[in-house]
Amino acid sequence: MITAEANASSGSHAEEDENYFVSMTDMMVGILFIFIIMLMVFALNFQQQTDQTRTLTAQQEEQLRRANELADQIAALRRQIADQITELDKANQARGDLLETIQKRLEGVGLKVTIDKDTGVLRLTEDAIRFDRNVSLLNETAARNVDALARVLLDVLPRYTACGDAAGCPPGSGFVVETLFIEGHTDTVGGPDRNWQLSTERAVNTYRRIVGGFPRLRTLMNSQGQEVLSVSAYAHTRPATKGEDEDAHRINRRIDLRFLMEADRRERLTSVLRLLDEMETKVNALQTPALPGPPPSPEPSPALGATP
C-alpha cells in the first residue's frame, strides 16, 4: 500500500515538473518573439533615418557644389571688374595729362584757362572768351582766342582719338576720348527759355568757329566711328561761381570743354562690385550649411516585468 502510494505521488510530481517546464518554454519563446519584433522595428527605423540622412547629405553636397561654382564665377567677375577699374584709373590719368598739356599750350599763347581733372573740364575764363549779357556771338577777341584753342586741339587731340585720317594720325596714347563737349553757359539774368537758347547758341557758335577754321578736327573719331567734337548747353543750371553780382554773372557767361574718355564708367563698375559683395555674402552662407545631426535613438523598450 505504501509502495503504491509512493509511486503515485512520484508520478504526480513528475507531471507537475513537466508542465512547469512547458510553461517556461512557451514564455521564453514568446519573449524571444517580442525581442525579435522590437529588433526589426528598430532596424527599420534606423534604416529610414539613415536613408533620410543620406538624402539630406546629398542635397547639401549639391547645394555646396552649386555655391562653389557661383563663388568661382563671382571671383572671376570680380577680377575682370578690378582689371577694368585699373584701366579706368589709367584713362583718368591720361585725361589729366591731356588737360595739363592743353592748359600749358594755351597759357603759352597767352590764354588763361583752368582745369578740373576729376570732372575732365577745361574752363575758358572770361579773359579767353567773354560774352556780353544776352549775347551769343563771339566778338573779335573771343574769335581769335577760339582759333588759338582750335590749333592746340588739332595738335594735341589726335593722340587721344581713334582718328579718321589714318595717314595723319600720330602714335596714340592708348586711351581714346569718346566725346569732347563744347558746353555753353549763362548767368541767372533773364528767363529760363532765353537762357537755354543763349547757352545753346554760344556752344554752337563756338563749335562752328572751331571746325570752320580747322575742319580736320571733324575727322577725329572715337572707337565707334563718331565725331569726337559735340555741343551741350546748360543755361544757368551749372554756375562756375555762386553769387548774383556782376562779377559772378560775367564769370558764369562762359564756355567749358568737357572731355569724356571711353572708359569713364568707374562709378557703374564700383556699384557692380558692391552688388558682388552682397552676392558673395549670400554664397558664403550657402557654403556653410548646418550639418545633419545623428539620427535620434529609438525609445527604450520597457523592462521585463514592468507594469504597463
C-alpha atoms as a PDB file:
ATOM      1  CA  MET A   1       0.000   0.000   0.000  1.00  0.00           C
ATOM      2  CA  ILE A   2       2.693   2.360   0.970  1.00  0.00           C
ATOM      3  CA  THR A   3       4.648   1.492  -2.145  1.00  0.00           C
ATOM      4  CA  ALA A   4       1.700   2.134  -4.404  1.00  0.00           C
ATOM      5  CA  GLU A   5       1.003   5.473  -2.782  1.00  0.00           C
ATOM      6  CA  ALA A   6       4.648   6.453  -3.084  1.00  0.00           C
ATOM      7  CA  ASN A   7       4.681   5.610  -6.740  1.00  0.00           C
ATOM      8  CA  ALA A   8       1.517   7.605  -7.313  1.00  0.00           C
ATOM      9  CA  SER A   9       2.993  10.605  -5.506  1.00  0.00           C
ATOM     10  CA  SER A  10       6.215  10.402  -7.528  1.00  0.00           C
ATOM     11  CA  GLY A  11       4.317  10.303 -10.819  1.00  0.00           C
ATOM     12  CA  SER A  12       2.278  13.321  -9.817  1.00  0.00           C
ATOM     13  CA  HIS A  13       5.419  15.374  -9.063  1.00  0.00           C
ATOM     14  CA  ALA A  14       6.986  14.406 -12.393  1.00  0.00           C
ATOM     15  CA  GLU A  15       3.901  15.504 -14.247  1.00  0.00           C
ATOM     16  CA  GLU A  16       3.889  18.851 -12.439  1.00  0.00           C
ATOM     17  CA  ASP A  17       7.574  19.409 -13.238  1.00  0.00           C
ATOM     18  CA  GLU A  18       6.954  18.630 -16.882  1.00  0.00           C
ATOM     19  CA  ASN A  19       4.047  21.086 -17.056  1.00  0.00           C
ATOM     20  CA  TYR A  20       6.207  23.738 -15.388  1.00  0.00           C
ATOM     21  CA  PHE A  21       8.995  23.386 -17.938  1.00  0.00           C
ATOM     22  CA  VAL A  22       6.488  23.526 -20.806  1.00  0.00           C
ATOM     23  CA  SER A  23       5.076  26.811 -19.472  1.00  0.00           C
ATOM     24  CA  MET A  24       8.562  28.314 -19.063  1.00  0.00           C
ATOM     25  CA  THR A  25       9.492  27.301 -22.610  1.00  0.00           C
ATOM     26  CA  ASP A  26       6.363  28.882 -24.055  1.00  0.00           C
ATOM     27  CA  MET A  27       7.014  32.070 -22.137  1.00  0.00           C
ATOM     28  CA  MET A  28      10.639  32.263 -23.247  1.00  0.00           C
ATOM     29  CA  VAL A  29       9.604  31.693 -26.863  1.00  0.00           C
ATOM     30  CA  GLY A  30       7.035  34.470 -26.545  1.00  0.00           C
ATOM     31  CA  ILE A  31       9.577  36.838 -25.043  1.00  0.00           C
ATOM     32  CA  LEU A  32      12.033  35.937 -27.785  1.00  0.00           C
ATOM     33  CA  PHE A  33       9.440  36.808 -30.429  1.00  0.00           C
ATOM     34  CA  ILE A  34       8.816  40.132 -28.735  1.00  0.00           C
ATOM     35  CA  PHE A  35      12.531  40.928 -28.817  1.00  0.00           C
ATOM     36  CA  ILE A  36      12.734  39.897 -32.466  1.00  0.00           C
ATOM     37  CA  ILE A  37       9.821  42.182 -33.343  1.00  0.00           C
ATOM     38  CA  MET A  38      11.372  45.076 -31.399  1.00  0.00           C
ATOM     39  CA  LEU A  39      14.700  44.493 -33.114  1.00  0.00           C
ATOM     40  CA  MET A  40      13.007  44.536 -36.521  1.00  0.00           C
ATOM     41  CA  VAL A  41      11.222  47.802 -35.677  1.00  0.00           C
ATOM     42  CA  PHE A  42      14.498  49.307 -34.502  1.00  0.00           C
ATOM     43  CA  ALA A  43      16.251  48.164 -37.695  1.00  0.00           C
ATOM     44  CA  LEU A  44      13.504  49.622 -39.899  1.00  0.00           C
ATOM     45  CA  ASN A  45      13.561  52.957 -38.057  1.00  0.00           C
ATOM     46  CA  PHE A  46      17.326  53.103 -38.239  1.00  0.00           C
ATOM     47  CA  GLN A  47      17.261  52.351 -41.986  1.00  0.00           C
ATOM     48  CA  GLN A  48      14.701  55.088 -42.618  1.00  0.00           C
ATOM     49  CA  GLN A  49      16.721  57.615 -40.647  1.00  0.00           C
ATOM     50  CA  THR A  50      19.896  56.554 -42.440  1.00  0.00           C
ATOM     51  CA  ASP A  51      18.189  56.995 -45.821  1.00  0.00           C
ATOM     52  CA  GLN A  52      16.910  60.425 -44.788  1.00  0.00           C
ATOM     53  CA  THR A  53      20.378  61.413 -43.614  1.00  0.00           C
ATOM     54  CA  ARG A  54      21.909  60.259 -46.893  1.00  0.00           C
ATOM     55  CA  THR A  55      19.300  62.215 -48.867  1.00  0.00           C
ATOM     56  CA  LEU A  56      19.907  65.328 -46.781  1.00  0.00           C
ATOM     57  CA  THR A  57      23.671  64.946 -47.132  1.00  0.00           C
ATOM     58  CA  ALA A  58      23.361  64.561 -50.914  1.00  0.00           C
ATOM     59  CA  GLN A  59      21.216  67.696 -51.086  1.00  0.00           C
ATOM     60  CA  GLN A  60      23.722  69.626 -49.007  1.00  0.00           C
ATOM     61  CA  GLU A  61      26.595  68.402 -51.157  1.00  0.00           C
ATOM     62  CA  GLU A  62      24.742  69.540 -54.292  1.00  0.00           C
ATOM     63  CA  GLN A  63      23.985  72.885 -52.669  1.00  0.00           C
ATOM     64  CA  LEU A  64      27.628  73.256 -51.699  1.00  0.00           C
ATOM     65  CA  ARG A  65      28.774  72.334 -55.216  1.00  0.00           C
ATOM     66  CA  ARG A  66      26.485  74.950 -56.773  1.00  0.00           C
ATOM     67  CA  ALA A  67      27.586  77.534 -54.226  1.00  0.00           C
ATOM     68  CA  ASN A  68      31.242  76.829 -55.040  1.00  0.00           C
ATOM     69  CA  GLU A  69      30.560  77.199 -58.765  1.00  0.00           C
ATOM     70  CA  LEU A  70      28.809  80.506 -58.147  1.00  0.00           C
ATOM     71  CA  ALA A  71      31.658  81.651 -55.917  1.00  0.00           C
ATOM     72  CA  ASP A  72      34.169  80.846 -58.677  1.00  0.00           C
ATOM     73  CA  GLN A  73      32.099  82.824 -61.191  1.00  0.00           C
ATOM     74  CA  ILE A  74      31.868  85.783 -58.833  1.00  0.00           C
ATOM     75  CA  ALA A  75      35.615  85.676 -58.205  1.00  0.00           C
ATOM     76  CA  ALA A  76      36.302  85.653 -61.954  1.00  0.00           C
ATOM     77  CA  LEU A  77      33.899  88.553 -62.498  1.00  0.00           C
ATOM     78  CA  ARG A  78      35.477  90.454 -59.635  1.00  0.00           C
ATOM     79  CA  ARG A  79      38.922  90.051 -61.218  1.00  0.00           C
ATOM     80  CA  GLN A  80      37.596  91.317 -64.545  1.00  0.00           C
ATOM     81  CA  ILE A  81      35.995  94.356 -62.920  1.00  0.00           C
ATOM     82  CA  ALA A  82      39.134  95.070 -60.915  1.00  0.00           C
ATOM     83  CA  ASP A  83      41.144  94.987 -64.145  1.00  0.00           C
ATOM     84  CA  GLN A  84      38.676  97.376 -65.777  1.00  0.00           C
ATOM     85  CA  ILE A  85      38.819  99.759 -62.817  1.00  0.00           C
ATOM     86  CA  THR A  86      42.594  99.742 -63.127  1.00  0.00           C
ATOM     87  CA  GLU A  87      42.197 100.672 -66.784  1.00  0.00           C
ATOM     88  CA  LEU A  88      39.779 103.438 -65.785  1.00  0.00           C
ATOM     89  CA  ASP A  89      42.319 104.846 -63.380  1.00  0.00           C
ATOM     90  CA  LYS A  90      44.884 104.844 -66.176  1.00  0.00           C
ATOM     91  CA  ALA A  91      42.377 106.522 -68.507  1.00  0.00           C
ATOM     92  CA  ASN A  92      41.667 109.211 -65.909  1.00  0.00           C
ATOM     93  CA  GLN A  93      45.388 109.760 -65.543  1.00  0.00           C
ATOM     94  CA  ALA A  94      45.676 110.076 -69.322  1.00  0.00           C
ATOM     95  CA  ARG A  95      42.824 112.611 -69.335  1.00  0.00           C
ATOM     96  CA  GLY A  96      44.580 114.597 -66.624  1.00  0.00           C
ATOM     97  CA  ASP A  97      47.748 114.626 -68.727  1.00  0.00           C
ATOM     98  CA  LEU A  98      45.704 115.770 -71.739  1.00  0.00           C
ATOM     99  CA  LEU A  99      44.156 118.644 -69.767  1.00  0.00           C
ATOM    100  CA  GLU A 100      47.541 119.744 -68.434  1.00  0.00           C
ATOM    101  CA  THR A 101      49.061 119.667 -71.912  1.00  0.00           C
ATOM    102  CA  ILE A 102      46.267 121.790 -73.387  1.00  0.00           C
ATOM    103  CA  GLN A 103      46.442 124.204 -70.450  1.00  0.00           C
ATOM    104  CA  LYS A 104      50.196 124.706 -70.862  1.00  0.00           C
ATOM    105  CA  ARG A 105      49.878 125.181 -74.616  1.00  0.00           C
ATOM    106  CA  LEU A 106      47.130 127.773 -74.209  1.00  0.00           C
ATOM    107  CA  GLU A 107      48.989 129.601 -71.472  1.00  0.00           C
ATOM    108  CA  GLY A 108      51.955 129.638 -73.841  1.00  0.00           C
ATOM    109  CA  VAL A 109      49.944 131.774 -76.277  1.00  0.00           C
ATOM    110  CA  GLY A 110      48.538 133.996 -73.535  1.00  0.00           C
ATOM    111  CA  LEU A 111      45.198 132.304 -72.815  1.00  0.00           C
ATOM    112  CA  LYS A 112      44.279 131.718 -69.193  1.00  0.00           C
ATOM    113  CA  VAL A 113      42.267 128.557 -68.535  1.00  0.00           C
ATOM    114  CA  THR A 114      41.527 126.411 -65.513  1.00  0.00           C
ATOM    115  CA  ILE A 115      41.210 122.631 -65.413  1.00  0.00           C
ATOM    116  CA  ASP A 116      39.401 120.142 -63.179  1.00  0.00           C
ATOM    117  CA  LYS A 117      40.945 116.696 -63.527  1.00  0.00           C
ATOM    118  CA  ASP A 118      38.182 114.979 -61.582  1.00  0.00           C
ATOM    119  CA  THR A 119      35.413 116.114 -63.935  1.00  0.00           C
ATOM    120  CA  GLY A 120      37.547 116.424 -67.066  1.00  0.00           C
ATOM    121  CA  VAL A 121      36.616 120.083 -67.582  1.00  0.00           C
ATOM    122  CA  LEU A 122      38.773 122.777 -69.152  1.00  0.00           C
ATOM    123  CA  ARG A 123      37.241 126.163 -68.380  1.00  0.00           C
ATOM    124  CA  LEU A 124      37.821 129.091 -70.705  1.00  0.00           C
ATOM    125  CA  THR A 125      37.885 132.059 -68.373  1.00  0.00           C
ATOM    126  CA  GLU A 126      36.445 135.470 -69.140  1.00  0.00           C
ATOM    127  CA  ASP A 127      39.924 136.522 -70.269  1.00  0.00           C
ATOM    128  CA  ALA A 128      39.763 133.938 -73.060  1.00  0.00           C
ATOM    129  CA  ILE A 129      36.119 134.122 -74.138  1.00  0.00           C
ATOM    130  CA  ARG A 130      33.830 136.835 -72.832  1.00  0.00           C
ATOM    131  CA  PHE A 131      30.151 137.113 -73.647  1.00  0.00           C
ATOM    132  CA  ASP A 132      28.182 140.249 -73.016  1.00  0.00           C
ATOM    133  CA  ARG A 133      24.792 139.885 -71.378  1.00  0.00           C
ATOM    134  CA  ASN A 134      22.116 138.455 -73.690  1.00  0.00           C
ATOM    135  CA  VAL A 135      24.715 137.975 -76.462  1.00  0.00           C
ATOM    136  CA  SER A 136      25.725 134.648 -78.029  1.00  0.00           C
ATOM    137  CA  LEU A 137      28.025 135.832 -80.842  1.00  0.00           C
ATOM    138  CA  LEU A 138      31.799 135.721 -80.449  1.00  0.00           C
ATOM    139  CA  ASN A 139      33.412 139.139 -80.516  1.00  0.00           C
ATOM    140  CA  GLU A 140      36.673 139.685 -82.370  1.00  0.00           C
ATOM    141  CA  THR A 141      38.891 138.906 -79.380  1.00  0.00           C
ATOM    142  CA  ALA A 142      36.910 135.799 -78.474  1.00  0.00           C
ATOM    143  CA  ALA A 143      37.063 134.582 -82.090  1.00  0.00           C
ATOM    144  CA  ARG A 144      40.873 134.891 -82.138  1.00  0.00           C
ATOM    145  CA  ASN A 145      41.138 133.033 -78.864  1.00  0.00           C
ATOM    146  CA  VAL A 146      38.865 130.258 -80.158  1.00  0.00           C
ATOM    147  CA  ASP A 147      41.166 129.945 -83.177  1.00  0.00           C
ATOM    148  CA  ALA A 148      44.146 129.573 -80.836  1.00  0.00           C
ATOM    149  CA  LEU A 149      42.240 126.919 -78.899  1.00  0.00           C
ATOM    150  CA  ALA A 150      41.436 125.051 -82.120  1.00  0.00           C
ATOM    151  CA  ARG A 151      45.103 124.997 -83.130  1.00  0.00           C
ATOM    152  CA  VAL A 152      46.095 123.472 -79.803  1.00  0.00           C
ATOM    153  CA  LEU A 153      43.294 120.899 -80.025  1.00  0.00           C
ATOM    154  CA  LEU A 154      44.359 119.931 -83.531  1.00  0.00           C
ATOM    155  CA  ASP A 155      47.918 119.488 -82.333  1.00  0.00           C
ATOM    156  CA  VAL A 156      47.190 117.545 -79.122  1.00  0.00           C
ATOM    157  CA  LEU A 157      43.870 115.756 -79.533  1.00  0.00           C
ATOM    158  CA  PRO A 158      44.708 113.245 -82.329  1.00  0.00           C
ATOM    159  CA  ARG A 159      46.873 111.237 -79.927  1.00  0.00           C
ATOM    160  CA  TYR A 160      43.771 110.671 -77.804  1.00  0.00           C
ATOM    161  CA  THR A 161      41.321 109.704 -80.550  1.00  0.00           C
ATOM    162  CA  ALA A 162      40.819 106.849 -82.983  1.00  0.00           C
ATOM    163  CA  CYS A 163      41.396 109.452 -85.721  1.00  0.00           C
ATOM    164  CA  GLY A 164      39.628 109.398 -89.072  1.00  0.00           C
ATOM    165  CA  ASP A 165      42.630 110.307 -91.222  1.00  0.00           C
ATOM    166  CA  ALA A 166      44.923 107.293 -90.860  1.00  0.00           C
ATOM    167  CA  ALA A 167      47.750 108.936 -92.777  1.00  0.00           C
ATOM    168  CA  GLY A 168      47.753 111.945 -90.462  1.00  0.00           C
ATOM    169  CA  CYS A 169      47.292 110.130 -87.151  1.00  0.00           C
ATOM    170  CA  PRO A 170      50.229 110.364 -84.737  1.00  0.00           C
ATOM    171  CA  PRO A 171      51.060 107.483 -82.402  1.00  0.00           C
ATOM    172  CA  GLY A 172      48.204 107.065 -79.950  1.00  0.00           C
ATOM    173  CA  SER A 173      48.312 107.394 -76.192  1.00  0.00           C
ATOM    174  CA  GLY A 174      46.460 104.125 -75.763  1.00  0.00           C
ATOM    175  CA  PHE A 175      43.377 105.941 -74.426  1.00  0.00           C
ATOM    176  CA  VAL A 176      40.594 107.403 -76.532  1.00  0.00           C
ATOM    177  CA  VAL A 177      38.410 110.448 -75.958  1.00  0.00           C
ATOM    178  CA  GLU A 178      34.819 109.401 -76.519  1.00  0.00           C
ATOM    179  CA  THR A 179      33.378 112.920 -76.673  1.00  0.00           C
ATOM    180  CA  LEU A 180      34.631 116.467 -76.319  1.00  0.00           C
ATOM    181  CA  PHE A 181      31.631 118.568 -75.330  1.00  0.00           C
ATOM    182  CA  ILE A 182      31.699 122.290 -76.035  1.00  0.00           C
ATOM    183  CA  GLU A 183      29.419 123.490 -73.240  1.00  0.00           C
ATOM    184  CA  GLY A 184      27.534 126.771 -73.250  1.00  0.00           C
ATOM    185  CA  HIS A 185      26.517 128.533 -70.006  1.00  0.00           C
ATOM    186  CA  THR A 186      24.668 131.674 -68.950  1.00  0.00           C
ATOM    187  CA  ASP A 187      24.119 133.785 -65.860  1.00  0.00           C
ATOM    188  CA  THR A 188      20.830 133.828 -63.954  1.00  0.00           C
ATOM    189  CA  VAL A 189      19.569 137.025 -65.538  1.00  0.00           C
ATOM    190  CA  GLY A 190      16.663 136.530 -67.915  1.00  0.00           C
ATOM    191  CA  GLY A 191      14.047 133.835 -68.187  1.00  0.00           C
ATOM    192  CA  PRO A 192      14.805 130.114 -68.419  1.00  0.00           C
ATOM    193  CA  ASP A 193      13.744 129.827 -72.069  1.00  0.00           C
ATOM    194  CA  ARG A 194      16.048 132.637 -73.115  1.00  0.00           C
ATOM    195  CA  ASN A 195      18.944 131.243 -71.075  1.00  0.00           C
ATOM    196  CA  TRP A 196      18.580 127.802 -72.666  1.00  0.00           C
ATOM    197  CA  GLN A 197      18.581 129.425 -76.087  1.00  0.00           C
ATOM    198  CA  LEU A 198      21.574 131.608 -75.239  1.00  0.00           C
ATOM    199  CA  SER A 199      23.674 128.748 -73.867  1.00  0.00           C
ATOM    200  CA  THR A 200      22.895 126.609 -76.920  1.00  0.00           C
ATOM    201  CA  GLU A 201      23.788 129.412 -79.323  1.00  0.00           C
ATOM    202  CA  ARG A 202      27.052 130.127 -77.503  1.00  0.00           C
ATOM    203  CA  ALA A 203      28.074 126.460 -77.690  1.00  0.00           C
ATOM    204  CA  VAL A 204      27.066 126.122 -81.348  1.00  0.00           C
ATOM    205  CA  ASN A 205      28.775 129.365 -82.393  1.00  0.00           C
ATOM    206  CA  THR A 206      31.989 128.269 -80.679  1.00  0.00           C
ATOM    207  CA  TYR A 207      31.786 124.849 -82.356  1.00  0.00           C
ATOM    208  CA  ARG A 208      31.241 126.430 -85.778  1.00  0.00           C
ATOM    209  CA  ARG A 209      34.227 128.718 -85.308  1.00  0.00           C
ATOM    210  CA  ILE A 210      36.450 125.778 -84.323  1.00  0.00           C
ATOM    211  CA  VAL A 211      35.528 123.419 -87.165  1.00  0.00           C
ATOM    212  CA  GLY A 212      35.100 126.258 -89.675  1.00  0.00           C
ATOM    213  CA  GLY A 213      38.717 127.318 -89.360  1.00  0.00           C
ATOM    214  CA  PHE A 214      40.113 123.849 -88.689  1.00  0.00           C
ATOM    215  CA  PRO A 215      37.923 121.283 -90.484  1.00  0.00           C
ATOM    216  CA  ARG A 216      40.362 118.454 -89.770  1.00  0.00           C
ATOM    217  CA  LEU A 217      39.047 118.406 -86.218  1.00  0.00           C
ATOM    218  CA  ARG A 218      35.860 116.873 -87.609  1.00  0.00           C
ATOM    219  CA  THR A 219      37.856 113.880 -88.807  1.00  0.00           C
ATOM    220  CA  LEU A 220      38.764 112.935 -85.243  1.00  0.00           C
ATOM    221  CA  MET A 221      36.666 109.907 -84.319  1.00  0.00           C
ATOM    222  CA  ASN A 222      36.072 107.762 -81.280  1.00  0.00           C
ATOM    223  CA  SER A 223      36.146 103.971 -81.364  1.00  0.00           C
ATOM    224  CA  GLN A 224      32.533 103.849 -82.588  1.00  0.00           C
ATOM    225  CA  GLY A 225      33.424 105.922 -85.639  1.00  0.00           C
ATOM    226  CA  GLN A 226      31.590 109.000 -84.316  1.00  0.00           C
ATOM    227  CA  GLU A 227      32.930 112.536 -84.360  1.00  0.00           C
ATOM    228  CA  VAL A 228      34.570 113.480 -81.098  1.00  0.00           C
ATOM    229  CA  LEU A 229      33.511 117.131 -81.100  1.00  0.00           C
ATOM    230  CA  SER A 230      29.984 117.835 -79.887  1.00  0.00           C
ATOM    231  CA  VAL A 231      27.991 120.544 -78.094  1.00  0.00           C
ATOM    232  CA  SER A 232      25.843 120.752 -74.988  1.00  0.00           C
ATOM    233  CA  ALA A 233      24.071 123.570 -73.162  1.00  0.00           C
ATOM    234  CA  TYR A 234      23.170 124.094 -69.514  1.00  0.00           C
ATOM    235  CA  ALA A 235      21.671 127.599 -69.352  1.00  0.00           C
ATOM    236  CA  HIS A 236      22.177 128.866 -65.761  1.00  0.00           C
ATOM    237  CA  THR A 237      21.978 125.415 -64.111  1.00  0.00           C
ATOM    238  CA  ARG A 238      25.731 124.875 -63.648  1.00  0.00           C
ATOM    239  CA  PRO A 239      27.281 128.106 -62.424  1.00  0.00           C
ATOM    240  CA  ALA A 240      31.050 128.324 -62.124  1.00  0.00           C
ATOM    241  CA  THR A 241      30.670 130.575 -59.099  1.00  0.00           C
ATOM    242  CA  LYS A 242      27.910 131.467 -56.690  1.00  0.00           C
ATOM    243  CA  GLY A 243      26.660 134.984 -56.357  1.00  0.00           C
ATOM    244  CA  GLU A 244      24.381 137.445 -58.069  1.00  0.00           C
ATOM    245  CA  ASP A 245      26.708 140.405 -58.533  1.00  0.00           C
ATOM    246  CA  GLU A 246      28.030 141.493 -61.898  1.00  0.00           C
ATOM    247  CA  ASP A 247      31.390 139.772 -61.426  1.00  0.00           C
ATOM    248  CA  ALA A 248      29.680 136.425 -60.802  1.00  0.00           C
ATOM    249  CA  HIS A 249      27.405 136.926 -63.802  1.00  0.00           C
ATOM    250  CA  ARG A 250      30.372 137.705 -66.053  1.00  0.00           C
ATOM    251  CA  ILE A 251      32.228 134.559 -64.922  1.00  0.00           C
ATOM    252  CA  ASN A 252      29.178 132.359 -65.473  1.00  0.00           C
ATOM    253  CA  ARG A 253      28.673 133.549 -69.068  1.00  0.00           C
ATOM    254  CA  ARG A 254      31.257 131.145 -70.395  1.00  0.00           C
ATOM    255  CA  ILE A 255      32.336 128.160 -72.498  1.00  0.00           C
ATOM    256  CA  ASP A 256      33.648 124.939 -70.946  1.00  0.00           C
ATOM    257  CA  LEU A 257      35.268 121.974 -72.662  1.00  0.00           C
ATOM    258  CA  ARG A 258      34.410 118.625 -71.094  1.00  0.00           C
ATOM    259  CA  PHE A 259      36.481 115.562 -72.053  1.00  0.00           C
ATOM    260  CA  LEU A 260      34.854 112.155 -71.647  1.00  0.00           C
ATOM    261  CA  MET A 261      37.091 109.133 -72.031  1.00  0.00           C
ATOM    262  CA  GLU A 262      35.693 105.902 -73.424  1.00  0.00           C
ATOM    263  CA  ALA A 263      36.480 104.206 -70.125  1.00  0.00           C
ATOM    264  CA  ASP A 264      34.551 106.700 -67.962  1.00  0.00           C
ATOM    265  CA  ARG A 265      32.419 104.022 -66.295  1.00  0.00           C
ATOM    266  CA  ARG A 266      34.101 103.713 -62.915  1.00  0.00           C
ATOM    267  CA  GLU A 267      31.023 104.584 -60.891  1.00  0.00           C
ATOM    268  CA  ARG A 268      28.959 101.909 -62.610  1.00  0.00           C
ATOM    269  CA  LEU A 269      31.664  99.280 -62.117  1.00  0.00           C
ATOM    270  CA  THR A 270      32.005 100.253 -58.472  1.00  0.00           C
ATOM    271  CA  SER A 271      28.273  99.730 -57.968  1.00  0.00           C
ATOM    272  CA  VAL A 272      28.617  96.310 -59.603  1.00  0.00           C
ATOM    273  CA  LEU A 273      31.378  95.479 -57.130  1.00  0.00           C
ATOM    274  CA  ARG A 274      29.072  96.386 -54.256  1.00  0.00           C
ATOM    275  CA  LEU A 275      26.459  94.038 -55.715  1.00  0.00           C
ATOM    276  CA  LEU A 276      29.082  91.310 -55.953  1.00  0.00           C
ATOM    277  CA  ASP A 277      29.916  91.824 -52.280  1.00  0.00           C
ATOM    278  CA  GLU A 278      26.282  91.215 -51.382  1.00  0.00           C
ATOM    279  CA  MET A 279      26.154  88.109 -53.579  1.00  0.00           C
ATOM    280  CA  GLU A 280      29.381  86.820 -52.063  1.00  0.00           C
ATOM    281  CA  THR A 281      27.915  87.138 -48.580  1.00  0.00           C
ATOM    282  CA  LYS A 282      24.969  85.005 -49.617  1.00  0.00           C
ATOM    283  CA  VAL A 283      27.247  82.451 -51.264  1.00  0.00           C
ATOM    284  CA  ASN A 284      29.321  82.173 -48.099  1.00  0.00           C
ATOM    285  CA  ALA A 285      26.140  81.377 -46.220  1.00  0.00           C
ATOM    286  CA  LEU A 286      25.388  78.620 -48.729  1.00  0.00           C
ATOM    287  CA  GLN A 287      28.890  77.208 -48.368  1.00  0.00           C
ATOM    288  CA  THR A 288      28.459  76.585 -44.630  1.00  0.00           C
ATOM    289  CA  PRO A 289      25.206  74.628 -44.306  1.00  0.00           C
ATOM    290  CA  ALA A 290      24.147  73.140 -40.984  1.00  0.00           C
ATOM    291  CA  LEU A 291      25.407  69.583 -40.758  1.00  0.00           C
ATOM    292  CA  PRO A 292      22.756  66.924 -40.108  1.00  0.00           C
ATOM    293  CA  GLY A 293      22.738  65.599 -36.557  1.00  0.00           C
ATOM    294  CA  PRO A 294      22.875  61.901 -35.659  1.00  0.00           C
ATOM    295  CA  PRO A 295      19.606  60.036 -36.044  1.00  0.00           C
ATOM    296  CA  PRO A 296      17.554  60.027 -32.862  1.00  0.00           C
ATOM    297  CA  SER A 297      17.830  56.894 -30.731  1.00  0.00           C
ATOM    298  CA  PRO A 298      14.763  54.668 -30.637  1.00  0.00           C
ATOM    299  CA  GLU A 299      12.695  54.750 -27.493  1.00  0.00           C
ATOM    300  CA  PRO A 300      13.956  52.226 -24.928  1.00  0.00           C
ATOM    301  CA  SER A 301      11.905  49.046 -24.625  1.00  0.00           C
ATOM    302  CA  PRO A 302      10.014  48.530 -21.400  1.00  0.00           C
ATOM    303  CA  ALA A 303      11.802  46.374 -18.862  1.00  0.00           C
ATOM    304  CA  LEU A 304      10.664  42.822 -18.430  1.00  0.00           C
ATOM    305  CA  GLY A 305       8.043  42.527 -15.810  1.00  0.00           C
ATOM    306  CA  ALA A 306       7.344  46.287 -15.837  1.00  0.00           C
ATOM    307  CA  THR A 307       3.756  47.212 -15.341  1.00  0.00           C
ATOM    308  CA  PRO A 308       2.367  48.977 -18.422  1.00  0.00           C
END
